[in-house]
Amino acid sequence: PLHSLEDARLPVHVVATDLAGASVCLSR
């Protein structure tokens, strides 16, 4: 029940990994 991360009732941050092996934090 969420279209955009920034629309959440609680701030939410999603962690992924790029091709260089670095951690990427997605918040929007």
mmCIF file of all heavy atoms, coordinates in Angstrom:
data_MODEL
# 
_entry.id   MODEL 
# 
loop_
_atom_site.group_PDB 
_atom_site.id 
_atom_site.type_symbol 
_atom_site.label_atom_id 
_atom_site.label_alt_id 
_atom_site.label_comp_id 
_atom_site.label_asym_id 
_atom_site.label_entity_id 
_atom_site.label_seq_id 
_atom_site.pdbx_PDB_ins_code 
_atom_site.Cartn_x 
_atom_site.Cartn_y 
_atom_site.Cartn_z 
_atom_site.occupancy 
_atom_site.B_iso_or_equiv 
_atom_site.pdbx_formal_charge 
_atom_site.auth_seq_id 
_atom_site.auth_comp_id 
_atom_site.auth_asym_id 
_atom_site.auth_atom_id 
_atom_site.pdbx_PDB_model_num 
ATOM 1   N N   . PRO A 1 1  ? 0.830  -1.222 0.000   1.00 0.00 ? 1  PRO A N   1 
ATOM 2   C CA  . PRO A 1 1  ? 0.000  0.000  0.000   1.00 0.00 ? 1  PRO A CA  1 
ATOM 3   C C   . PRO A 1 1  ? 0.862  1.270  0.000   1.00 0.00 ? 1  PRO A C   1 
ATOM 4   O O   . PRO A 1 1  ? 0.690  2.166  0.821   1.00 0.00 ? 1  PRO A O   1 
ATOM 5   C CB  . PRO A 1 1  ? -0.786 -0.138 1.304   1.00 0.00 ? 1  PRO A CB  1 
ATOM 6   C CG  . PRO A 1 1  ? 0.150  -0.851 2.219   1.00 0.00 ? 1  PRO A CG  1 
ATOM 7   C CD  . PRO A 1 1  ? 0.934  -1.815 1.344   1.00 0.00 ? 1  PRO A CD  1 
ATOM 8   N N   . LEU A 1 2  ? 1.789  1.336  -0.951  1.00 0.00 ? 2  LEU A N   1 
ATOM 9   C CA  . LEU A 1 2  ? 2.734  2.447  -0.969  1.00 0.00 ? 2  LEU A CA  1 
ATOM 10  C C   . LEU A 1 2  ? 3.234  2.644  -2.395  1.00 0.00 ? 2  LEU A C   1 
ATOM 11  O O   . LEU A 1 2  ? 3.764  1.715  -3.008  1.00 0.00 ? 2  LEU A O   1 
ATOM 12  C CB  . LEU A 1 2  ? 3.907  2.135  -0.028  1.00 0.00 ? 2  LEU A CB  1 
ATOM 13  C CG  . LEU A 1 2  ? 4.965  3.217  0.178   1.00 0.00 ? 2  LEU A CG  1 
ATOM 14  C CD1 . LEU A 1 2  ? 4.351  4.437  0.856   1.00 0.00 ? 2  LEU A CD1 1 
ATOM 15  C CD2 . LEU A 1 2  ? 6.115  2.673  1.019   1.00 0.00 ? 2  LEU A CD2 1 
ATOM 16  N N   . HIS A 1 3  ? 3.071  3.862  -2.916  1.00 0.00 ? 3  HIS A N   1 
ATOM 17  C CA  . HIS A 1 3  ? 3.544  4.157  -4.271  1.00 0.00 ? 3  HIS A CA  1 
ATOM 18  C C   . HIS A 1 3  ? 4.982  4.663  -4.236  1.00 0.00 ? 3  HIS A C   1 
ATOM 19  O O   . HIS A 1 3  ? 5.863  4.119  -4.906  1.00 0.00 ? 3  HIS A O   1 
ATOM 20  C CB  . HIS A 1 3  ? 2.641  5.190  -4.944  1.00 0.00 ? 3  HIS A CB  1 
ATOM 21  C CG  . HIS A 1 3  ? 3.100  5.571  -6.322  1.00 0.00 ? 3  HIS A CG  1 
ATOM 22  N ND1 . HIS A 1 3  ? 3.046  4.700  -7.385  1.00 0.00 ? 3  HIS A ND1 1 
ATOM 23  C CD2 . HIS A 1 3  ? 3.656  6.728  -6.794  1.00 0.00 ? 3  HIS A CD2 1 
ATOM 24  C CE1 . HIS A 1 3  ? 3.537  5.296  -8.475  1.00 0.00 ? 3  HIS A CE1 1 
ATOM 25  N NE2 . HIS A 1 3  ? 3.912  6.526  -8.137  1.00 0.00 ? 3  HIS A NE2 1 
ATOM 26  N N   . SER A 1 4  ? 5.228  5.696  -3.449  1.00 0.00 ? 4  SER A N   1 
ATOM 27  C CA  . SER A 1 4  ? 6.571  6.271  -3.333  1.00 0.00 ? 4  SER A CA  1 
ATOM 28  C C   . SER A 1 4  ? 7.072  6.117  -1.901  1.00 0.00 ? 4  SER A C   1 
ATOM 29  O O   . SER A 1 4  ? 6.286  6.194  -0.951  1.00 0.00 ? 4  SER A O   1 
ATOM 30  C CB  . SER A 1 4  ? 6.564  7.755  -3.713  1.00 0.00 ? 4  SER A CB  1 
ATOM 31  O OG  . SER A 1 4  ? 6.139  7.922  -5.063  1.00 0.00 ? 4  SER A OG  1 
ATOM 32  N N   . LEU A 1 5  ? 8.360  5.919  -1.753  1.00 0.00 ? 5  LEU A N   1 
ATOM 33  C CA  . LEU A 1 5  ? 8.930  5.742  -0.422  1.00 0.00 ? 5  LEU A CA  1 
ATOM 34  C C   . LEU A 1 5  ? 8.622  6.934  0.476   1.00 0.00 ? 5  LEU A C   1 
ATOM 35  O O   . LEU A 1 5  ? 8.345  6.778  1.668   1.00 0.00 ? 5  LEU A O   1 
ATOM 36  C CB  . LEU A 1 5  ? 10.443 5.538  -0.523  1.00 0.00 ? 5  LEU A CB  1 
ATOM 37  C CG  . LEU A 1 5  ? 10.920 4.265  -1.233  1.00 0.00 ? 5  LEU A CG  1 
ATOM 38  C CD1 . LEU A 1 5  ? 12.445 4.259  -1.332  1.00 0.00 ? 5  LEU A CD1 1 
ATOM 39  C CD2 . LEU A 1 5  ? 10.438 3.021  -0.501  1.00 0.00 ? 5  LEU A CD2 1 
ATOM 40  N N   . GLU A 1 6  ? 8.663  8.130  -0.104  1.00 0.00 ? 6  GLU A N   1 
ATOM 41  C CA  . GLU A 1 6  ? 8.457  9.330  0.714   1.00 0.00 ? 6  GLU A CA  1 
ATOM 42  C C   . GLU A 1 6  ? 7.009  9.507  1.159   1.00 0.00 ? 6  GLU A C   1 
ATOM 43  O O   . GLU A 1 6  ? 6.711  10.378 1.998   1.00 0.00 ? 6  GLU A O   1 
ATOM 44  C CB  . GLU A 1 6  ? 8.930  10.581 -0.035  1.00 0.00 ? 6  GLU A CB  1 
ATOM 45  C CG  . GLU A 1 6  ? 8.228  10.846 -1.350  1.00 0.00 ? 6  GLU A CG  1 
ATOM 46  C CD  . GLU A 1 6  ? 8.966  10.242 -2.536  1.00 0.00 ? 6  GLU A CD  1 
ATOM 47  O OE1 . GLU A 1 6  ? 9.594  9.177  -2.376  1.00 0.00 ? 6  GLU A OE1 1 
ATOM 48  O OE2 . GLU A 1 6  ? 8.900  10.856 -3.627  1.00 0.00 ? 6  GLU A OE2 1 
ATOM 49  N N   . ASP A 1 7  ? 6.088  8.695  0.628   1.00 0.00 ? 7  ASP A N   1 
ATOM 50  C CA  . ASP A 1 7  ? 4.681  8.787  1.028   1.00 0.00 ? 7  ASP A CA  1 
ATOM 51  C C   . ASP A 1 7  ? 4.350  7.938  2.254   1.00 0.00 ? 7  ASP A C   1 
ATOM 52  O O   . ASP A 1 7  ? 3.228  7.978  2.756   1.00 0.00 ? 7  ASP A O   1 
ATOM 53  C CB  . ASP A 1 7  ? 3.776  8.336  -0.130  1.00 0.00 ? 7  ASP A CB  1 
ATOM 54  C CG  . ASP A 1 7  ? 3.857  9.275  -1.329  1.00 0.00 ? 7  ASP A CG  1 
ATOM 55  O OD1 . ASP A 1 7  ? 4.206  10.458 -1.114  1.00 0.00 ? 7  ASP A OD1 1 
ATOM 56  O OD2 . ASP A 1 7  ? 3.587  8.820  -2.449  1.00 0.00 ? 7  ASP A OD2 1 
ATOM 57  N N   . ALA A 1 8  ? 5.298  7.169  2.742   1.00 0.00 ? 8  ALA A N   1 
ATOM 58  C CA  . ALA A 1 8  ? 5.051  6.272  3.878   1.00 0.00 ? 8  ALA A CA  1 
ATOM 59  C C   . ALA A 1 8  ? 4.770  7.069  5.147   1.00 0.00 ? 8  ALA A C   1 
ATOM 60  O O   . ALA A 1 8  ? 5.262  8.195  5.326   1.00 0.00 ? 8  ALA A O   1 
ATOM 61  C CB  . ALA A 1 8  ? 6.253  5.359  4.096   1.00 0.00 ? 8  ALA A CB  1 
ATOM 62  N N   . ARG A 1 9  ? 3.990  6.478  6.042   1.00 0.00 ? 9  ARG A N   1 
ATOM 63  C CA  . ARG A 1 9  ? 3.682  7.136  7.316   1.00 0.00 ? 9  ARG A CA  1 
ATOM 64  C C   . ARG A 1 9  ? 4.908  7.210  8.216   1.00 0.00 ? 9  ARG A C   1 
ATOM 65  O O   . ARG A 1 9  ? 5.031  8.107  9.041   1.00 0.00 ? 9  ARG A O   1 
ATOM 66  C CB  . ARG A 1 9  ? 2.541  6.396  8.005   1.00 0.00 ? 9  ARG A CB  1 
ATOM 67  C CG  . ARG A 1 9  ? 1.189  6.605  7.325   1.00 0.00 ? 9  ARG A CG  1 
ATOM 68  C CD  . ARG A 1 9  ? 0.154  5.595  7.794   1.00 0.00 ? 9  ARG A CD  1 
ATOM 69  N NE  . ARG A 1 9  ? -0.057 5.651  9.234   1.00 0.00 ? 9  ARG A NE  1 
ATOM 70  C CZ  . ARG A 1 9  ? -0.848 4.799  9.892   1.00 0.00 ? 9  ARG A CZ  1 
ATOM 71  N NH1 . ARG A 1 9  ? -1.480 3.839  9.215   1.00 0.00 ? 9  ARG A NH1 1 
ATOM 72  N NH2 . ARG A 1 9  ? -1.005 4.899  11.196  1.00 0.00 ? 9  ARG A NH2 1 
ATOM 73  N N   . LEU A 1 10 ? 5.806  6.239  8.068   1.00 0.00 ? 10 LEU A N   1 
ATOM 74  C CA  . LEU A 1 10 ? 7.097  6.272  8.756   1.00 0.00 ? 10 LEU A CA  1 
ATOM 75  C C   . LEU A 1 10 ? 8.191  6.444  7.720   1.00 0.00 ? 10 LEU A C   1 
ATOM 76  O O   . LEU A 1 10 ? 8.116  5.839  6.648   1.00 0.00 ? 10 LEU A O   1 
ATOM 77  C CB  . LEU A 1 10 ? 7.352  4.953  9.501   1.00 0.00 ? 10 LEU A CB  1 
ATOM 78  C CG  . LEU A 1 10 ? 6.725  4.733  10.872  1.00 0.00 ? 10 LEU A CG  1 
ATOM 79  C CD1 . LEU A 1 10 ? 7.075  3.322  11.353  1.00 0.00 ? 10 LEU A CD1 1 
ATOM 80  C CD2 . LEU A 1 10 ? 7.238  5.757  11.873  1.00 0.00 ? 10 LEU A CD2 1 
ATOM 81  N N   . PRO A 1 11 ? 9.225  7.229  7.998   1.00 0.00 ? 11 PRO A N   1 
ATOM 82  C CA  . PRO A 1 11 ? 10.348 7.297  7.057   1.00 0.00 ? 11 PRO A CA  1 
ATOM 83  C C   . PRO A 1 11 ? 10.932 5.902  6.841   1.00 0.00 ? 11 PRO A C   1 
ATOM 84  O O   . PRO A 1 11 ? 11.182 5.167  7.794   1.00 0.00 ? 11 PRO A O   1 
ATOM 85  C CB  . PRO A 1 11 ? 11.346 8.219  7.763   1.00 0.00 ? 11 PRO A CB  1 
ATOM 86  C CG  . PRO A 1 11 ? 10.508 9.059  8.678   1.00 0.00 ? 11 PRO A CG  1 
ATOM 87  C CD  . PRO A 1 11 ? 9.402  8.149  9.140   1.00 0.00 ? 11 PRO A CD  1 
ATOM 88  N N   . VAL A 1 12 ? 11.133 5.547  5.572   1.00 0.00 ? 12 VAL A N   1 
ATOM 89  C CA  . VAL A 1 12 ? 11.643 4.215  5.252   1.00 0.00 ? 12 VAL A CA  1 
ATOM 90  C C   . VAL A 1 12 ? 12.830 4.349  4.307   1.00 0.00 ? 12 VAL A C   1 
ATOM 91  O O   . VAL A 1 12 ? 12.822 5.172  3.387   1.00 0.00 ? 12 VAL A O   1 
ATOM 92  C CB  . VAL A 1 12 ? 10.542 3.324  4.635   1.00 0.00 ? 12 VAL A CB  1 
ATOM 93  C CG1 . VAL A 1 12 ? 9.921  3.960  3.405   1.00 0.00 ? 12 VAL A CG1 1 
ATOM 94  C CG2 . VAL A 1 12 ? 11.080 1.940  4.324   1.00 0.00 ? 12 VAL A CG2 1 
ATOM 95  N N   . HIS A 1 13 ? 13.842 3.520  4.551   1.00 0.00 ? 13 HIS A N   1 
ATOM 96  C CA  . HIS A 1 13 ? 15.062 3.550  3.754   1.00 0.00 ? 13 HIS A CA  1 
ATOM 97  C C   . HIS A 1 13 ? 15.374 2.125  3.314   1.00 0.00 ? 13 HIS A C   1 
ATOM 98  O O   . HIS A 1 13 ? 15.400 1.200  4.138   1.00 0.00 ? 13 HIS A O   1 
ATOM 99  C CB  . HIS A 1 13 ? 16.223 4.129  4.562   1.00 0.00 ? 13 HIS A CB  1 
ATOM 100 C CG  . HIS A 1 13 ? 15.899 5.444  5.203   1.00 0.00 ? 13 HIS A CG  1 
ATOM 101 N ND1 . HIS A 1 13 ? 15.993 6.645  4.545   1.00 0.00 ? 13 HIS A ND1 1 
ATOM 102 C CD2 . HIS A 1 13 ? 15.431 5.728  6.454   1.00 0.00 ? 13 HIS A CD2 1 
ATOM 103 C CE1 . HIS A 1 13 ? 15.628 7.630  5.369   1.00 0.00 ? 13 HIS A CE1 1 
ATOM 104 N NE2 . HIS A 1 13 ? 15.278 7.089  6.524   1.00 0.00 ? 13 HIS A NE2 1 
ATOM 105 N N   . VAL A 1 14 ? 15.617 1.959  2.017   1.00 0.00 ? 14 VAL A N   1 
ATOM 106 C CA  . VAL A 1 14 ? 15.869 0.639  1.434   1.00 0.00 ? 14 VAL A CA  1 
ATOM 107 C C   . VAL A 1 14 ? 17.322 0.561  0.979   1.00 0.00 ? 14 VAL A C   1 
ATOM 108 O O   . VAL A 1 14 ? 17.808 1.450  0.278   1.00 0.00 ? 14 VAL A O   1 
ATOM 109 C CB  . VAL A 1 14 ? 14.919 0.376  0.248   1.00 0.00 ? 14 VAL A CB  1 
ATOM 110 C CG1 . VAL A 1 14 ? 15.287 -0.927 -0.460  1.00 0.00 ? 14 VAL A CG1 1 
ATOM 111 C CG2 . VAL A 1 14 ? 13.476 0.344  0.729   1.00 0.00 ? 14 VAL A CG2 1 
ATOM 112 N N   . VAL A 1 15 ? 17.994 -0.497 1.378   1.00 0.00 ? 15 VAL A N   1 
ATOM 113 C CA  . VAL A 1 15 ? 19.409 -0.666 1.051   1.00 0.00 ? 15 VAL A CA  1 
ATOM 114 C C   . VAL A 1 15 ? 19.565 -1.662 -0.090  1.00 0.00 ? 15 VAL A C   1 
ATOM 115 O O   . VAL A 1 15 ? 19.026 -2.767 -0.047  1.00 0.00 ? 15 VAL A O   1 
ATOM 116 C CB  . VAL A 1 15 ? 20.208 -1.147 2.280   1.00 0.00 ? 15 VAL A CB  1 
ATOM 117 C CG1 . VAL A 1 15 ? 21.668 -1.393 1.907   1.00 0.00 ? 15 VAL A CG1 1 
ATOM 118 C CG2 . VAL A 1 15 ? 20.120 -0.120 3.399   1.00 0.00 ? 15 VAL A CG2 1 
ATOM 119 N N   . ALA A 1 16 ? 20.304 -1.250 -1.124  1.00 0.00 ? 16 ALA A N   1 
ATOM 120 C CA  . ALA A 1 16 ? 20.633 -2.118 -2.245  1.00 0.00 ? 16 ALA A CA  1 
ATOM 121 C C   . ALA A 1 16 ? 22.146 -2.033 -2.476  1.00 0.00 ? 16 ALA A C   1 
ATOM 122 O O   . ALA A 1 16 ? 22.869 -1.363 -1.730  1.00 0.00 ? 16 ALA A O   1 
ATOM 123 C CB  . ALA A 1 16 ? 19.858 -1.696 -3.487  1.00 0.00 ? 16 ALA A CB  1 
ATOM 124 N N   . THR A 1 17 ? 22.619 -2.700 -3.519  1.00 0.00 ? 17 THR A N   1 
ATOM 125 C CA  . THR A 1 17 ? 24.047 -2.727 -3.825  1.00 0.00 ? 17 THR A CA  1 
ATOM 126 C C   . THR A 1 17 ? 24.254 -2.378 -5.288  1.00 0.00 ? 17 THR A C   1 
ATOM 127 O O   . THR A 1 17 ? 23.546 -2.914 -6.157  1.00 0.00 ? 17 THR A O   1 
ATOM 128 C CB  . THR A 1 17 ? 24.643 -4.122 -3.552  1.00 0.00 ? 17 THR A CB  1 
ATOM 129 O OG1 . THR A 1 17 ? 24.334 -4.520 -2.222  1.00 0.00 ? 17 THR A OG1 1 
ATOM 130 C CG2 . THR A 1 17 ? 26.147 -4.120 -3.749  1.00 0.00 ? 17 THR A CG2 1 
ATOM 131 N N   . ASP A 1 18 ? 25.201 -1.484 -5.591  1.00 0.00 ? 18 ASP A N   1 
ATOM 132 C CA  . ASP A 1 18 ? 25.481 -1.171 -6.990  1.00 0.00 ? 18 ASP A CA  1 
ATOM 133 C C   . ASP A 1 18 ? 26.527 -2.134 -7.548  1.00 0.00 ? 18 ASP A C   1 
ATOM 134 O O   . ASP A 1 18 ? 27.060 -2.997 -6.824  1.00 0.00 ? 18 ASP A O   1 
ATOM 135 C CB  . ASP A 1 18 ? 25.898 0.291  -7.168  1.00 0.00 ? 18 ASP A CB  1 
ATOM 136 C CG  . ASP A 1 18 ? 27.243 0.629  -6.519  1.00 0.00 ? 18 ASP A CG  1 
ATOM 137 O OD1 . ASP A 1 18 ? 28.027 -0.302 -6.229  1.00 0.00 ? 18 ASP A OD1 1 
ATOM 138 O OD2 . ASP A 1 18 ? 27.511 1.827  -6.319  1.00 0.00 ? 18 ASP A OD2 1 
ATOM 139 N N   . LEU A 1 19 ? 26.825 -2.015 -8.835  1.00 0.00 ? 19 LEU A N   1 
ATOM 140 C CA  . LEU A 1 19 ? 27.718 -2.961 -9.487  1.00 0.00 ? 19 LEU A CA  1 
ATOM 141 C C   . LEU A 1 19 ? 29.166 -2.834 -9.022  1.00 0.00 ? 19 LEU A C   1 
ATOM 142 O O   . LEU A 1 19 ? 29.981 -3.722 -9.289  1.00 0.00 ? 19 LEU A O   1 
ATOM 143 C CB  . LEU A 1 19 ? 27.643 -2.787 -11.004 1.00 0.00 ? 19 LEU A CB  1 
ATOM 144 C CG  . LEU A 1 19 ? 26.290 -3.134 -11.644 1.00 0.00 ? 19 LEU A CG  1 
ATOM 145 C CD1 . LEU A 1 19 ? 26.362 -3.002 -13.155 1.00 0.00 ? 19 LEU A CD1 1 
ATOM 146 C CD2 . LEU A 1 19 ? 25.849 -4.535 -11.258 1.00 0.00 ? 19 LEU A CD2 1 
ATOM 147 N N   . ALA A 1 20 ? 29.475 -1.751 -8.316  1.00 0.00 ? 20 ALA A N   1 
ATOM 148 C CA  . ALA A 1 20 ? 30.818 -1.593 -7.755  1.00 0.00 ? 20 ALA A CA  1 
ATOM 149 C C   . ALA A 1 20 ? 30.911 -2.194 -6.362  1.00 0.00 ? 20 ALA A C   1 
ATOM 150 O O   . ALA A 1 20 ? 31.971 -2.165 -5.732  1.00 0.00 ? 20 ALA A O   1 
ATOM 151 C CB  . ALA A 1 20 ? 31.207 -0.117 -7.729  1.00 0.00 ? 20 ALA A CB  1 
ATOM 152 N N   . GLY A 1 21 ? 29.781 -2.715 -5.860  1.00 0.00 ? 21 GLY A N   1 
ATOM 153 C CA  . GLY A 1 21 ? 29.767 -3.332 -4.543  1.00 0.00 ? 21 GLY A CA  1 
ATOM 154 C C   . GLY A 1 21 ? 29.496 -2.383 -3.410  1.00 0.00 ? 21 GLY A C   1 
ATOM 155 O O   . GLY A 1 21 ? 29.601 -2.761 -2.238  1.00 0.00 ? 21 GLY A O   1 
ATOM 156 N N   . ALA A 1 22 ? 29.127 -1.134 -3.741  1.00 0.00 ? 22 ALA A N   1 
ATOM 157 C CA  . ALA A 1 22 ? 28.855 -0.141 -2.700  1.00 0.00 ? 22 ALA A CA  1 
ATOM 158 C C   . ALA A 1 22 ? 27.395 -0.190 -2.285  1.00 0.00 ? 22 ALA A C   1 
ATOM 159 O O   . ALA A 1 22 ? 26.504 -0.476 -3.080  1.00 0.00 ? 22 ALA A O   1 
ATOM 160 C CB  . ALA A 1 22 ? 29.199 1.259  -3.200  1.00 0.00 ? 22 ALA A CB  1 
ATOM 161 N N   . SER A 1 23 ? 27.163 0.106  -1.015  1.00 0.00 ? 23 SER A N   1 
ATOM 162 C CA  . SER A 1 23 ? 25.807 0.152  -0.486  1.00 0.00 ? 23 SER A CA  1 
ATOM 163 C C   . SER A 1 23 ? 25.118 1.433  -0.946  1.00 0.00 ? 23 SER A C   1 
ATOM 164 O O   . SER A 1 23 ? 25.694 2.516  -0.895  1.00 0.00 ? 23 SER A O   1 
ATOM 165 C CB  . SER A 1 23 ? 25.852 0.103  1.046   1.00 0.00 ? 23 SER A CB  1 
ATOM 166 O OG  . SER A 1 23 ? 24.551 0.172  1.586   1.00 0.00 ? 23 SER A OG  1 
ATOM 167 N N   . VAL A 1 24 ? 23.867 1.287  -1.423  1.00 0.00 ? 24 VAL A N   1 
ATOM 168 C CA  . VAL A 1 24 ? 23.081 2.431  -1.891  1.00 0.00 ? 24 VAL A CA  1 
ATOM 169 C C   . VAL A 1 24 ? 21.817 2.506  -1.044  1.00 0.00 ? 24 VAL A C   1 
ATOM 170 O O   . VAL A 1 24 ? 21.078 1.518  -0.935  1.00 0.00 ? 24 VAL A O   1 
ATOM 171 C CB  . VAL A 1 24 ? 22.717 2.279  -3.379  1.00 0.00 ? 24 VAL A CB  1 
ATOM 172 C CG1 . VAL A 1 24 ? 21.810 3.426  -3.824  1.00 0.00 ? 24 VAL A CG1 1 
ATOM 173 C CG2 . VAL A 1 24 ? 23.964 2.212  -4.233  1.00 0.00 ? 24 VAL A CG2 1 
ATOM 174 N N   . CYS A 1 25 ? 21.566 3.661  -0.455  1.00 0.00 ? 25 CYS A N   1 
ATOM 175 C CA  . CYS A 1 25 ? 20.386 3.860  0.383   1.00 0.00 ? 25 CYS A CA  1 
ATOM 176 C C   . CYS A 1 25 ? 19.328 4.622  -0.409  1.00 0.00 ? 25 CYS A C   1 
ATOM 177 O O   . CYS A 1 25 ? 19.554 5.751  -0.843  1.00 0.00 ? 25 CYS A O   1 
ATOM 178 C CB  . CYS A 1 25 ? 20.757 4.618  1.657   1.00 0.00 ? 25 CYS A CB  1 
ATOM 179 S SG  . CYS A 1 25 ? 19.362 4.865  2.788   1.00 0.00 ? 25 CYS A SG  1 
ATOM 180 N N   . LEU A 1 26 ? 18.177 3.983  -0.608  1.00 0.00 ? 26 LEU A N   1 
ATOM 181 C CA  . LEU A 1 26 ? 17.062 4.579  -1.346  1.00 0.00 ? 26 LEU A CA  1 
ATOM 182 C C   . LEU A 1 26 ? 16.021 5.072  -0.358  1.00 0.00 ? 26 LEU A C   1 
ATOM 183 O O   . LEU A 1 26 ? 15.477 4.294  0.418   1.00 0.00 ? 26 LEU A O   1 
ATOM 184 C CB  . LEU A 1 26 ? 16.451 3.556  -2.287  1.00 0.00 ? 26 LEU A CB  1 
ATOM 185 C CG  . LEU A 1 26 ? 17.413 2.908  -3.305  1.00 0.00 ? 26 LEU A CG  1 
ATOM 186 C CD1 . LEU A 1 26 ? 16.738 1.739  -4.009  1.00 0.00 ? 26 LEU A CD1 1 
ATOM 187 C CD2 . LEU A 1 26 ? 17.880 3.947  -4.315  1.00 0.00 ? 26 LEU A CD2 1 
ATOM 188 N N   . SER A 1 27 ? 15.743 6.384  -0.392  1.00 0.00 ? 27 SER A N   1 
ATOM 189 C CA  . SER A 1 27 ? 14.785 6.983  0.537   1.00 0.00 ? 27 SER A CA  1 
ATOM 190 C C   . SER A 1 27 ? 13.652 7.708  -0.183  1.00 0.00 ? 27 SER A C   1 
ATOM 191 O O   . SER A 1 27 ? 12.704 8.150  0.464   1.00 0.00 ? 27 SER A O   1 
ATOM 192 C CB  . SER A 1 27 ? 15.503 7.975  1.469   1.00 0.00 ? 27 SER A CB  1 
ATOM 193 O OG  . SER A 1 27 ? 16.581 7.347  2.127   1.00 0.00 ? 27 SER A OG  1 
ATOM 194 N N   . ARG A 1 28 ? 13.760 7.835  -1.493  1.00 0.00 ? 28 ARG A N   1 
ATOM 195 C CA  . ARG A 1 28 ? 12.743 8.486  -2.302  1.00 0.00 ? 28 ARG A CA  1 
ATOM 196 C C   . ARG A 1 28 ? 12.548 7.676  -3.580  1.00 0.00 ? 28 ARG A C   1 
ATOM 197 O O   . ARG A 1 28 ? 13.394 6.879  -3.964  1.00 0.00 ? 28 ARG A O   1 
ATOM 198 C CB  . ARG A 1 28 ? 13.149 9.927  -2.653  1.00 0.00 ? 28 ARG A CB  1 
ATOM 199 C CG  . ARG A 1 28 ? 13.381 10.828 -1.443  1.00 0.00 ? 28 ARG A CG  1 
ATOM 200 C CD  . ARG A 1 28 ? 13.753 12.243 -1.878  1.00 0.00 ? 28 ARG A CD  1 
ATOM 201 N NE  . ARG A 1 28 ? 12.672 12.876 -2.619  1.00 0.00 ? 28 ARG A NE  1 
ATOM 202 C CZ  . ARG A 1 28 ? 11.626 13.466 -2.046  1.00 0.00 ? 28 ARG A CZ  1 
ATOM 203 N NH1 . ARG A 1 28 ? 11.513 13.502 -0.719  1.00 0.00 ? 28 ARG A NH1 1 
ATOM 204 N NH2 . ARG A 1 28 ? 10.683 14.019 -2.780  1.00 0.00 ? 28 ARG A NH2 1 
# 
